[in-house]
Amino acid sequence: MDGPTNLARIATLTFLGALVLIVVYQALTGKIRLGGLLLKNGAGAGSPRRLSAARAQLLVVTVLAAAAILPLAGDPQQSPPWLSAGLPAVVALSDTVFLWSQYIRATRPS
């Protein structure tokens, strides 16, 4: 790689690494509240909050996709074939499931 491309790659990875550290630090210190990340409100007023399967699957798929892409950040020339079509399709399907569940919940009569 030539100088400017290498410098841009290093700057991008440094920025993303700093962003991850900031978010993790703020989550650990309580500035970013994660208490209800996977919970949805119950059916009626005063009912307990329950685990949302749609939110859980969205979080799991997103974390797995990020874990699959992260090792490729060091060498952009190596792009596996599953990344070109498979991974974005899985993430898009996961997003669709989550958004559909939110739509169903919002349009359900009370």
Protein backbone atom coordinates (compact mmCIF):
# COMPACT_ATOMS: atom_id res chain seq x y z
CA MET A 1 0.00 0.00 0.00
CA ASP A 2 1.12 3.51 -0.59
CA GLY A 3 1.58 6.13 2.14
CA PRO A 4 -1.73 8.06 2.01
CA THR A 5 -3.84 4.89 1.88
CA ASN A 6 -1.97 3.37 4.80
CA LEU A 7 -2.30 6.60 6.78
CA ALA A 8 -6.04 6.77 6.10
CA ARG A 9 -6.47 3.14 7.22
CA ILE A 10 -4.53 3.76 10.44
CA ALA A 11 -6.50 6.94 11.16
CA THR A 12 -9.82 5.17 10.58
CA LEU A 13 -8.92 2.23 12.81
CA THR A 14 -7.66 4.59 15.52
CA PHE A 15 -10.88 6.61 15.40
CA LEU A 16 -13.08 3.50 15.55
CA GLY A 17 -11.00 2.05 18.39
CA ALA A 18 -11.31 5.29 20.37
CA LEU A 19 -15.05 5.36 19.74
CA VAL A 20 -15.43 1.79 21.03
CA LEU A 21 -13.38 2.61 24.14
CA ILE A 22 -15.52 5.68 24.87
CA VAL A 23 -18.79 3.75 24.53
CA VAL A 24 -17.54 0.83 26.65
CA TYR A 25 -16.22 3.19 29.34
CA GLN A 26 -19.49 5.11 29.50
CA ALA A 27 -21.50 1.89 29.63
CA LEU A 28 -19.36 0.54 32.47
CA THR A 29 -19.59 3.78 34.47
CA GLY A 30 -23.37 3.99 34.06
CA LYS A 31 -23.53 7.06 31.82
CA ILE A 32 -25.08 4.89 29.12
CA ARG A 33 -27.89 2.93 30.73
CA LEU A 34 -28.23 -0.62 29.43
CA GLY A 35 -30.86 -1.83 31.89
CA GLY A 36 -33.73 -2.06 29.42
CA LEU A 37 -31.75 -2.89 26.31
CA LEU A 38 -33.38 -6.28 25.81
CA LEU A 39 -36.68 -5.63 27.60
CA LYS A 40 -40.08 -4.63 26.30
CA ASN A 41 -43.00 -3.22 28.23
CA GLY A 42 -45.71 -5.60 29.39
CA ALA A 43 -49.21 -5.74 27.95
CA GLY A 44 -50.91 -3.38 30.40
CA ALA A 45 -50.13 -0.59 32.80
CA GLY A 46 -48.12 -1.85 35.73
CA SER A 47 -47.32 -5.19 34.12
CA PRO A 48 -43.72 -6.38 34.31
CA ARG A 49 -41.23 -5.87 31.51
CA ARG A 50 -40.30 -9.00 29.56
CA LEU A 51 -37.40 -10.10 27.39
CA SER A 52 -37.86 -9.05 23.78
CA ALA A 53 -36.84 -11.86 21.43
CA ALA A 54 -36.65 -9.43 18.49
CA ARG A 55 -34.24 -7.14 20.35
CA ALA A 56 -32.13 -10.08 21.52
CA GLN A 57 -31.77 -11.52 18.02
CA LEU A 58 -30.93 -8.08 16.60
CA LEU A 59 -28.19 -7.60 19.20
CA VAL A 60 -26.75 -11.09 18.65
CA VAL A 61 -26.71 -10.81 14.86
CA THR A 62 -25.16 -7.32 15.00
CA VAL A 63 -22.41 -8.42 17.40
CA LEU A 64 -21.65 -11.53 15.33
CA ALA A 65 -21.53 -9.50 12.11
CA ALA A 66 -19.18 -6.97 13.68
CA ALA A 67 -16.98 -9.81 14.97
CA ALA A 68 -16.86 -11.30 11.46
CA ILE A 69 -15.94 -8.00 9.80
CA LEU A 70 -13.47 -6.69 12.39
CA PRO A 71 -10.56 -9.00 11.47
CA LEU A 72 -10.86 -7.83 7.86
CA ALA A 73 -10.19 -4.21 8.82
CA GLY A 74 -6.44 -4.85 8.86
CA ASP A 75 -6.25 -6.08 5.26
CA PRO A 76 -8.90 -4.69 2.90
CA GLN A 77 -7.53 -6.75 -0.02
CA GLN A 78 -8.78 -9.97 1.59
CA SER A 79 -12.55 -10.01 1.28
CA PRO A 80 -14.18 -13.42 1.68
CA PRO A 81 -17.01 -14.33 -0.71
CA TRP A 82 -19.59 -14.65 2.10
CA LEU A 83 -19.08 -10.98 2.94
CA SER A 84 -20.21 -9.74 -0.45
CA ALA A 85 -23.76 -11.12 -0.30
CA GLY A 86 -24.34 -13.39 2.68
CA LEU A 87 -23.54 -11.24 5.68
CA PRO A 88 -25.37 -8.07 4.57
CA ALA A 89 -28.41 -10.20 3.72
CA VAL A 90 -28.43 -11.77 7.20
CA VAL A 91 -28.11 -8.38 8.88
CA ALA A 92 -30.86 -6.93 6.68
CA LEU A 93 -33.13 -9.87 7.52
CA SER A 94 -32.45 -9.38 11.22
CA ASP A 95 -33.28 -5.68 10.96
CA THR A 96 -36.47 -6.52 9.08
CA VAL A 97 -37.57 -8.97 11.78
CA PHE A 98 -36.96 -6.36 14.47
CA LEU A 99 -38.76 -3.56 12.61
CA TRP A 100 -41.68 -5.87 11.78
CA SER A 101 -42.06 -6.80 15.45
CA GLN A 102 -42.06 -3.11 16.39
CA TYR A 103 -44.68 -2.37 13.74
CA ILE A 104 -46.91 -5.22 14.95
CA ARG A 105 -46.61 -4.02 18.55
CA ALA A 106 -47.36 -0.40 17.61
CA THR A 107 -50.43 -1.22 15.51
CA ARG A 108 -51.93 -3.80 17.89
CA PRO A 109 -55.21 -2.53 19.33
CA SER A 110 -55.07 -1.87 23.08
